Amino acid sequence: MRDILYSAQGGAGITNIMFHAYLTHSQAKEYTQALIKSGLLELDINAGSLRHFRTTPTGVEYLEAAERMSDMLAIETRRAAKPSAFLL
């Protein structure tokens, strides 16, 4: 769902959301409806006749909080980890 919110920050159609979040059409419809119900996503009424979605301010706050949590819980990989003395 985080990928949907990221792709809809500037406004996005269902096809764009499907592409960026790697979802099928039915999955994208289901998740967008769930995000709309929770107030994280809205239909962009200024997009004309096309169904465009836009991340709400609450959705942006959620993305920022998720990013902070991800940074705090980052797990070092072997490639990112500094070599220790016993490996040399």
PDB file of N, CA and C in Angstrom:
ATOM      1  N   MET A   1       0.813  -1.182   0.000  1.00  0.00           N
ATOM      2  CA  MET A   1       0.000   0.000   0.000  1.00  0.00           C
ATOM      3  C   MET A   1       0.861   1.252   0.000  1.00  0.00           C
ATOM      4  N   ARG A   2       2.060   1.133   0.545  1.00  0.00           N
ATOM      5  CA  ARG A   2       2.960   2.279   0.553  1.00  0.00           C
ATOM      6  C   ARG A   2       3.324   2.675  -0.874  1.00  0.00           C
ATOM      7  N   ASP A   3       3.501   1.713  -1.750  1.00  0.00           N
ATOM      8  CA  ASP A   3       3.820   2.014  -3.151  1.00  0.00           C
ATOM      9  C   ASP A   3       2.687   2.763  -3.832  1.00  0.00           C
ATOM     10  N   ILE A   4       1.456   2.442  -3.489  1.00  0.00           N
ATOM     11  CA  ILE A   4       0.300   3.148  -4.052  1.00  0.00           C
ATOM     12  C   ILE A   4       0.329   4.606  -3.613  1.00  0.00           C
ATOM     13  N   LEU A   5       0.573   4.844  -2.338  1.00  0.00           N
ATOM     14  CA  LEU A   5       0.604   6.209  -1.828  1.00  0.00           C
ATOM     15  C   LEU A   5       1.744   7.007  -2.445  1.00  0.00           C
ATOM     16  N   TYR A   6       2.908   6.369  -2.634  1.00  0.00           N
ATOM     17  CA  TYR A   6       4.030   7.057  -3.282  1.00  0.00           C
ATOM     18  C   TYR A   6       3.680   7.438  -4.713  1.00  0.00           C
ATOM     19  N   SER A   7       3.112   6.511  -5.462  1.00  0.00           N
ATOM     20  CA  SER A   7       2.831   6.793  -6.873  1.00  0.00           C
ATOM     21  C   SER A   7       1.698   7.797  -7.053  1.00  0.00           C
ATOM     22  N   ALA A   8       0.833   7.944  -6.062  1.00  0.00           N
ATOM     23  CA  ALA A   8      -0.303   8.862  -6.187  1.00  0.00           C
ATOM     24  C   ALA A   8      -0.036  10.234  -5.580  1.00  0.00           C
ATOM     25  N   GLN A   9       1.175  10.501  -5.150  1.00  0.00           N
ATOM     26  CA  GLN A   9       1.455  11.791  -4.515  1.00  0.00           C
ATOM     27  C   GLN A   9       1.193  12.966  -5.459  1.00  0.00           C
ATOM     28  N   GLY A  10       1.535  12.853  -6.704  1.00  0.00           N
ATOM     29  CA  GLY A  10       1.291  13.938  -7.652  1.00  0.00           C
ATOM     30  C   GLY A  10       0.031  13.712  -8.458  1.00  0.00           C
ATOM     31  N   GLY A  11      -0.716  12.686  -8.122  1.00  0.00           N
ATOM     32  CA  GLY A  11      -1.900  12.306  -8.873  1.00  0.00           C
ATOM     33  C   GLY A  11      -1.537  11.184  -9.832  1.00  0.00           C
ATOM     34  N   ALA A  12      -2.331  10.141  -9.854  1.00  0.00           N
ATOM     35  CA  ALA A  12      -2.034   8.992 -10.709  1.00  0.00           C
ATOM     36  C   ALA A  12      -3.311   8.248 -11.056  1.00  0.00           C
ATOM     37  N   GLY A  13      -3.341   7.718 -12.250  1.00  0.00           N
ATOM     38  CA  GLY A  13      -4.439   6.865 -12.672  1.00  0.00           C
ATOM     39  C   GLY A  13      -4.212   5.443 -12.201  1.00  0.00           C
ATOM     40  N   ILE A  14      -5.209   4.624 -12.389  1.00  0.00           N
ATOM     41  CA  ILE A  14      -5.133   3.239 -11.916  1.00  0.00           C
ATOM     42  C   ILE A  14      -4.020   2.462 -12.630  1.00  0.00           C
ATOM     43  N   THR A  15      -3.802   2.751 -13.910  1.00  0.00           N
ATOM     44  CA  THR A  15      -2.751   2.049 -14.658  1.00  0.00           C
ATOM     45  C   THR A  15      -1.373   2.394 -14.121  1.00  0.00           C
ATOM     46  N   ASN A  16      -1.160   3.660 -13.822  1.00  0.00           N
ATOM     47  CA  ASN A  16       0.114   4.093 -13.257  1.00  0.00           C
ATOM     48  C   ASN A  16       0.350   3.440 -11.898  1.00  0.00           C
ATOM     49  N   ILE A  17      -0.680   3.385 -11.090  1.00  0.00           N
ATOM     50  CA  ILE A  17      -0.579   2.742  -9.774  1.00  0.00           C
ATOM     51  C   ILE A  17      -0.259   1.259  -9.943  1.00  0.00           C
ATOM     52  N   MET A  18      -0.940   0.605 -10.865  1.00  0.00           N
ATOM     53  CA  MET A  18      -0.695  -0.819 -11.110  1.00  0.00           C
ATOM     54  C   MET A  18       0.762  -1.051 -11.496  1.00  0.00           C
ATOM     55  N   PHE A  19       1.287  -0.210 -12.369  1.00  0.00           N
ATOM     56  CA  PHE A  19       2.652  -0.366 -12.860  1.00  0.00           C
ATOM     57  C   PHE A  19       3.670  -0.179 -11.743  1.00  0.00           C
ATOM     58  N   HIS A  20       3.530   0.894 -10.964  1.00  0.00           N
ATOM     59  CA  HIS A  20       4.530   1.208  -9.946  1.00  0.00           C
ATOM     60  C   HIS A  20       4.432   0.321  -8.709  1.00  0.00           C
ATOM     61  N   ALA A  21       3.246  -0.205  -8.425  1.00  0.00           N
ATOM     62  CA  ALA A  21       3.081  -1.045  -7.231  1.00  0.00           C
ATOM     63  C   ALA A  21       3.069  -2.541  -7.572  1.00  0.00           C
ATOM     64  N   TYR A  22       3.245  -2.870  -8.861  1.00  0.00           N
ATOM     65  CA  TYR A  22       3.251  -4.269  -9.302  1.00  0.00           C
ATOM     66  C   TYR A  22       1.979  -5.003  -8.889  1.00  0.00           C
ATOM     67  N   LEU A  23       0.828  -4.420  -9.229  1.00  0.00           N
ATOM     68  CA  LEU A  23      -0.463  -4.995  -8.860  1.00  0.00           C
ATOM     69  C   LEU A  23      -1.295  -5.306 -10.090  1.00  0.00           C
ATOM     70  N   THR A  24      -2.205  -6.247  -9.947  1.00  0.00           N
ATOM     71  CA  THR A  24      -3.202  -6.488 -10.986  1.00  0.00           C
ATOM     72  C   THR A  24      -4.284  -5.421 -10.857  1.00  0.00           C
ATOM     73  N   HIS A  25      -5.143  -5.345 -11.855  1.00  0.00           N
ATOM     74  CA  HIS A  25      -6.210  -4.349 -11.823  1.00  0.00           C
ATOM     75  C   HIS A  25      -7.129  -4.569 -10.620  1.00  0.00           C
ATOM     76  N   SER A  26      -7.507  -5.810 -10.369  1.00  0.00           N
ATOM     77  CA  SER A  26      -8.413  -6.073  -9.239  1.00  0.00           C
ATOM     78  C   SER A  26      -7.742  -5.757  -7.899  1.00  0.00           C
ATOM     79  N   GLN A  27      -6.451  -6.057  -7.774  1.00  0.00           N
ATOM     80  CA  GLN A  27      -5.738  -5.730  -6.543  1.00  0.00           C
ATOM     81  C   GLN A  27      -5.665  -4.214  -6.351  1.00  0.00           C
ATOM     82  N   ALA A  28      -5.349  -3.495  -7.423  1.00  0.00           N
ATOM     83  CA  ALA A  28      -5.237  -2.036  -7.350  1.00  0.00           C
ATOM     84  C   ALA A  28      -6.578  -1.420  -6.955  1.00  0.00           C
ATOM     85  N   LYS A  29      -7.673  -1.916  -7.527  1.00  0.00           N
ATOM     86  CA  LYS A  29      -8.993  -1.396  -7.171  1.00  0.00           C
ATOM     87  C   LYS A  29      -9.299  -1.641  -5.702  1.00  0.00           C
ATOM     88  N   GLU A  30      -9.015  -2.846  -5.239  1.00  0.00           N
ATOM     89  CA  GLU A  30      -9.296  -3.200  -3.840  1.00  0.00           C
ATOM     90  C   GLU A  30      -8.478  -2.344  -2.875  1.00  0.00           C
ATOM     91  N   TYR A  31      -7.188  -2.208  -3.148  1.00  0.00           N
ATOM     92  CA  TYR A  31      -6.320  -1.443  -2.255  1.00  0.00           C
ATOM     93  C   TYR A  31      -6.630   0.046  -2.293  1.00  0.00           C
ATOM     94  N   THR A  32      -6.936   0.599  -3.466  1.00  0.00           N
ATOM     95  CA  THR A  32      -7.272   2.025  -3.524  1.00  0.00           C
ATOM     96  C   THR A  32      -8.542   2.306  -2.737  1.00  0.00           C
ATOM     97  N   GLN A  33      -9.523   1.401  -2.821  1.00  0.00           N
ATOM     98  CA  GLN A  33     -10.754   1.592  -2.050  1.00  0.00           C
ATOM     99  C   GLN A  33     -10.475   1.543  -0.547  1.00  0.00           C
ATOM    100  N   ALA A  34      -9.609   0.631  -0.118  1.00  0.00           N
ATOM    101  CA  ALA A  34      -9.258   0.531   1.303  1.00  0.00           C
ATOM    102  C   ALA A  34      -8.527   1.792   1.768  1.00  0.00           C
ATOM    103  N   LEU A  35      -7.647   2.323   0.922  1.00  0.00           N
ATOM    104  CA  LEU A  35      -6.913   3.540   1.280  1.00  0.00           C
ATOM    105  C   LEU A  35      -7.826   4.757   1.310  1.00  0.00           C
ATOM    106  N   ILE A  36      -8.818   4.790   0.420  1.00  0.00           N
ATOM    107  CA  ILE A  36      -9.796   5.880   0.428  1.00  0.00           C
ATOM    108  C   ILE A  36     -10.619   5.831   1.713  1.00  0.00           C
ATOM    109  N   LYS A  37     -11.054   4.626   2.092  1.00  0.00           N
ATOM    110  CA  LYS A  37     -11.840   4.468   3.330  1.00  0.00           C
ATOM    111  C   LYS A  37     -11.062   4.908   4.561  1.00  0.00           C
ATOM    112  N   SER A  38      -9.759   4.662   4.557  1.00  0.00           N
ATOM    113  CA  SER A  38      -8.944   5.031   5.715  1.00  0.00           C
ATOM    114  C   SER A  38      -8.456   6.476   5.646  1.00  0.00           C
ATOM    115  N   GLY A  39      -8.798   7.206   4.586  1.00  0.00           N
ATOM    116  CA  GLY A  39      -8.461   8.619   4.500  1.00  0.00           C
ATOM    117  C   GLY A  39      -7.053   8.919   4.042  1.00  0.00           C
ATOM    118  N   LEU A  40      -6.358   7.919   3.503  1.00  0.00           N
ATOM    119  CA  LEU A  40      -4.986   8.128   3.047  1.00  0.00           C
ATOM    120  C   LEU A  40      -4.909   8.465   1.559  1.00  0.00           C
ATOM    121  N   LEU A  41      -5.981   8.224   0.832  1.00  0.00           N
ATOM    122  CA  LEU A  41      -6.031   8.442  -0.614  1.00  0.00           C
ATOM    123  C   LEU A  41      -7.385   9.047  -0.953  1.00  0.00           C
ATOM    124  N   GLU A  42      -7.429   9.861  -2.002  1.00  0.00           N
ATOM    125  CA  GLU A  42      -8.701  10.457  -2.427  1.00  0.00           C
ATOM    126  C   GLU A  42      -8.770  10.482  -3.943  1.00  0.00           C
ATOM    127  N   LEU A  43      -9.979  10.553  -4.457  1.00  0.00           N
ATOM    128  CA  LEU A  43     -10.164  10.732  -5.888  1.00  0.00           C
ATOM    129  C   LEU A  43      -9.879  12.186  -6.211  1.00  0.00           C
ATOM    130  N   ASP A  44      -9.100  12.433  -7.241  1.00  0.00           N
ATOM    131  CA  ASP A  44      -8.749  13.790  -7.644  1.00  0.00           C
ATOM    132  C   ASP A  44      -9.835  14.315  -8.574  1.00  0.00           C
ATOM    133  N   ILE A  45     -10.702  15.175  -8.055  1.00  0.00           N
ATOM    134  CA  ILE A  45     -11.837  15.666  -8.846  1.00  0.00           C
ATOM    135  C   ILE A  45     -11.411  16.678  -9.906  1.00  0.00           C
ATOM    136  N   ASN A  46     -10.194  17.208  -9.807  1.00  0.00           N
ATOM    137  CA  ASN A  46      -9.697  18.175 -10.786  1.00  0.00           C
ATOM    138  C   ASN A  46      -9.080  17.511 -12.012  1.00  0.00           C
ATOM    139  N   ALA A  47      -9.094  16.194 -12.068  1.00  0.00           N
ATOM    140  CA  ALA A  47      -8.453  15.473 -13.169  1.00  0.00           C
ATOM    141  C   ALA A  47      -9.365  15.333 -14.382  1.00  0.00           C
ATOM    142  N   GLY A  48     -10.536  15.930 -14.354  1.00  0.00           N
ATOM    143  CA  GLY A  48     -11.450  15.821 -15.489  1.00  0.00           C
ATOM    144  C   GLY A  48     -12.241  14.537 -15.413  1.00  0.00           C
ATOM    145  N   SER A  49     -12.421  13.912 -16.571  1.00  0.00           N
ATOM    146  CA  SER A  49     -13.241  12.708 -16.625  1.00  0.00           C
ATOM    147  C   SER A  49     -12.478  11.448 -16.212  1.00  0.00           C
ATOM    148  N   LEU A  50     -11.160  11.533 -16.147  1.00  0.00           N
ATOM    149  CA  LEU A  50     -10.356  10.363 -15.781  1.00  0.00           C
ATOM    150  C   LEU A  50     -10.383  10.154 -14.273  1.00  0.00           C
ATOM    151  N   ARG A  51     -10.287   8.892 -13.867  1.00  0.00           N
ATOM    152  CA  ARG A  51     -10.225   8.569 -12.433  1.00  0.00           C
ATOM    153  C   ARG A  51      -8.774   8.666 -11.989  1.00  0.00           C
ATOM    154  N   HIS A  52      -8.436   9.772 -11.369  1.00  0.00           N
ATOM    155  CA  HIS A  52      -7.103   9.962 -10.826  1.00  0.00           C
ATOM    156  C   HIS A  52      -7.186   9.957  -9.308  1.00  0.00           C
ATOM    157  N   PHE A  53      -6.182   9.388  -8.703  1.00  0.00           N
ATOM    158  CA  PHE A  53      -6.103   9.318  -7.252  1.00  0.00           C
ATOM    159  C   PHE A  53      -4.981  10.229  -6.780  1.00  0.00           C
ATOM    160  N   ARG A  54      -5.141  10.766  -5.586  1.00  0.00           N
ATOM    161  CA  ARG A  54      -4.126  11.638  -4.995  1.00  0.00           C
ATOM    162  C   ARG A  54      -3.978  11.280  -3.520  1.00  0.00           C
ATOM    163  N   THR A  55      -2.736  11.256  -3.069  1.00  0.00           N
ATOM    164  CA  THR A  55      -2.456  10.992  -1.661  1.00  0.00           C
ATOM    165  C   THR A  55      -2.888  12.198  -0.831  1.00  0.00           C
ATOM    166  N   THR A  56      -3.619  11.948   0.238  1.00  0.00           N
ATOM    167  CA  THR A  56      -4.095  13.027   1.119  1.00  0.00           C
ATOM    168  C   THR A  56      -2.950  13.488   2.028  1.00  0.00           C
ATOM    169  N   PRO A  57      -3.110  14.642   2.679  1.00  0.00           N
ATOM    170  CA  PRO A  57      -2.094  15.063   3.662  1.00  0.00           C
ATOM    171  C   PRO A  57      -1.862  14.005   4.752  1.00  0.00           C
ATOM    172  N   THR A  58      -2.916  13.316   5.161  1.00  0.00           N
ATOM    173  CA  THR A  58      -2.763  12.234   6.138  1.00  0.00           C
ATOM    174  C   THR A  58      -1.936  11.095   5.547  1.00  0.00           C
ATOM    175  N   GLY A  59      -2.139  10.823   4.268  1.00  0.00           N
ATOM    176  CA  GLY A  59      -1.354   9.802   3.579  1.00  0.00           C
ATOM    177  C   GLY A  59       0.111  10.167   3.497  1.00  0.00           C
ATOM    178  N   VAL A  60       0.396  11.452   3.272  1.00  0.00           N
ATOM    179  CA  VAL A  60       1.785  11.922   3.229  1.00  0.00           C
ATOM    180  C   VAL A  60       2.422  11.777   4.606  1.00  0.00           C
ATOM    181  N   GLU A  61       1.669  12.103   5.662  1.00  0.00           N
ATOM    182  CA  GLU A  61       2.171  11.914   7.026  1.00  0.00           C
ATOM    183  C   GLU A  61       2.478  10.440   7.283  1.00  0.00           C
ATOM    184  N   TYR A  62       1.600   9.558   6.802  1.00  0.00           N
ATOM    185  CA  TYR A  62       1.824   8.123   6.955  1.00  0.00           C
ATOM    186  C   TYR A  62       3.119   7.709   6.257  1.00  0.00           C
ATOM    187  N   LEU A  63       3.334   8.199   5.037  1.00  0.00           N
ATOM    188  CA  LEU A  63       4.552   7.859   4.300  1.00  0.00           C
ATOM    189  C   LEU A  63       5.801   8.338   5.034  1.00  0.00           C
ATOM    190  N   GLU A  64       5.740   9.550   5.588  1.00  0.00           N
ATOM    191  CA  GLU A  64       6.884  10.076   6.338  1.00  0.00           C
ATOM    192  C   GLU A  64       7.159   9.233   7.578  1.00  0.00           C
ATOM    193  N   ALA A  65       6.094   8.839   8.279  1.00  0.00           N
ATOM    194  CA  ALA A  65       6.263   8.004   9.477  1.00  0.00           C
ATOM    195  C   ALA A  65       6.810   6.630   9.098  1.00  0.00           C
ATOM    196  N   ALA A  66       6.329   6.067   8.010  1.00  0.00           N
ATOM    197  CA  ALA A  66       6.816   4.758   7.559  1.00  0.00           C
ATOM    198  C   ALA A  66       8.284   4.835   7.175  1.00  0.00           C
ATOM    199  N   GLU A  67       8.686   5.947   6.565  1.00  0.00           N
ATOM    200  CA  GLU A  67      10.089   6.129   6.192  1.00  0.00           C
ATOM    201  C   GLU A  67      10.977   6.232   7.431  1.00  0.00           C
ATOM    202  N   ARG A  68      10.511   6.980   8.436  1.00  0.00           N
ATOM    203  CA  ARG A  68      11.270   7.086   9.694  1.00  0.00           C
ATOM    204  C   ARG A  68      11.400   5.722  10.364  1.00  0.00           C
ATOM    205  N   MET A  69      10.310   4.965  10.393  1.00  0.00           N
ATOM    206  CA  MET A  69      10.345   3.628  10.994  1.00  0.00           C
ATOM    207  C   MET A  69      11.316   2.729  10.236  1.00  0.00           C
ATOM    208  N   SER A  70      11.282   2.817   8.929  1.00  0.00           N
ATOM    209  CA  SER A  70      12.174   2.006   8.103  1.00  0.00           C
ATOM    210  C   SER A  70      13.637   2.347   8.393  1.00  0.00           C
ATOM    211  N   ASP A  71      13.920   3.629   8.558  1.00  0.00           N
ATOM    212  CA  ASP A  71      15.293   4.044   8.880  1.00  0.00           C
ATOM    213  C   ASP A  71      15.726   3.537  10.248  1.00  0.00           C
ATOM    214  N   MET A  72      14.826   3.565  11.220  1.00  0.00           N
ATOM    215  CA  MET A  72      15.160   3.110  12.565  1.00  0.00           C
ATOM    216  C   MET A  72      15.373   1.603  12.609  1.00  0.00           C
ATOM    217  N   LEU A  73      14.649   0.874  11.776  1.00  0.00           N
ATOM    218  CA  LEU A  73      14.710  -0.579  11.806  1.00  0.00           C
ATOM    219  C   LEU A  73      15.588  -1.162  10.713  1.00  0.00           C
ATOM    220  N   ALA A  74      16.425  -0.324  10.126  1.00  0.00           N
ATOM    221  CA  ALA A  74      17.270  -0.786   9.026  1.00  0.00           C
ATOM    222  C   ALA A  74      18.167  -1.923   9.488  1.00  0.00           C
ATOM    223  N   ILE A  75      18.243  -2.936   8.674  1.00  0.00           N
ATOM    224  CA  ILE A  75      19.084  -4.087   8.962  1.00  0.00           C
ATOM    225  C   ILE A  75      20.298  -4.016   8.052  1.00  0.00           C
ATOM    226  N   GLU A  76      21.471  -4.132   8.651  1.00  0.00           N
ATOM    227  CA  GLU A  76      22.681  -4.094   7.844  1.00  0.00           C
ATOM    228  C   GLU A  76      22.823  -5.387   7.059  1.00  0.00           C
ATOM    229  N   THR A  77      23.165  -5.243   5.809  1.00  0.00           N
ATOM    230  CA  THR A  77      23.449  -6.418   4.986  1.00  0.00           C
ATOM    231  C   THR A  77      24.952  -6.643   4.972  1.00  0.00           C
ATOM    232  N   ARG A  78      25.375  -7.766   4.505  1.00  0.00           N
ATOM    233  CA  ARG A  78      26.804  -8.045   4.457  1.00  0.00           C
ATOM    234  C   ARG A  78      27.542  -6.992   3.639  1.00  0.00           C
ATOM    235  N   ARG A  79      26.950  -6.600   2.545  1.00  0.00           N
ATOM    236  CA  ARG A  79      27.584  -5.630   1.671  1.00  0.00           C
ATOM    237  C   ARG A  79      27.703  -4.269   2.362  1.00  0.00           C
ATOM    238  N   ALA A  80      26.685  -3.886   3.126  1.00  0.00           N
ATOM    239  CA  ALA A  80      26.679  -2.581   3.789  1.00  0.00           C
ATOM    240  C   ALA A  80      27.457  -2.582   5.103  1.00  0.00           C
ATOM    241  N   ALA A  81      27.614  -3.760   5.695  1.00  0.00           N
ATOM    242  CA  ALA A  81      28.285  -3.853   6.994  1.00  0.00           C
ATOM    243  C   ALA A  81      29.782  -3.594   6.846  1.00  0.00           C
ATOM    244  N   LYS A  82      30.357  -2.976   7.857  1.00  0.00           N
ATOM    245  CA  LYS A  82      31.801  -2.719   7.857  1.00  0.00           C
ATOM    246  C   LYS A  82      32.514  -4.042   8.177  1.00  0.00           C
ATOM    247  N   PRO A  83      33.601  -4.297   7.508  1.00  0.00           N
ATOM    248  CA  PRO A  83      34.317  -5.552   7.787  1.00  0.00           C
ATOM    249  C   PRO A  83      34.863  -5.540   9.216  1.00  0.00           C
ATOM    250  N   SER A  84      34.716  -6.653   9.872  1.00  0.00           N
ATOM    251  CA  SER A  84      35.234  -6.735  11.236  1.00  0.00           C
ATOM    252  C   SER A  84      36.651  -7.307  11.202  1.00  0.00           C
ATOM    253  N   ALA A  85      37.339  -7.198  12.307  1.00  0.00           N
ATOM    254  CA  ALA A  85      38.749  -7.571  12.383  1.00  0.00           C
ATOM    255  C   ALA A  85      38.965  -9.065  12.123  1.00  0.00           C
ATOM    256  N   PHE A  86      38.037  -9.913  12.573  1.00  0.00           N
ATOM    257  CA  PHE A  86      38.253 -11.342  12.412  1.00  0.00           C
ATOM    258  C   PHE A  86      38.058 -11.828  10.987  1.00  0.00           C
ATOM    259  N   LEU A  87      37.474 -11.009  10.125  1.00  0.00           N
ATOM    260  CA  LEU A  87      37.283 -11.409   8.725  1.00  0.00           C
ATOM    261  C   LEU A  87      38.509 -11.096   7.890  1.00  0.00           C
ATOM    262  N   LEU A  88      39.411 -10.277   8.396  1.00  0.00           N
ATOM    263  CA  LEU A  88      40.567  -9.862   7.593  1.00  0.00           C
ATOM    264  C   LEU A  88      41.675 -10.836   7.601  1.00  0.00           C
TER     265      LEU A  88
END
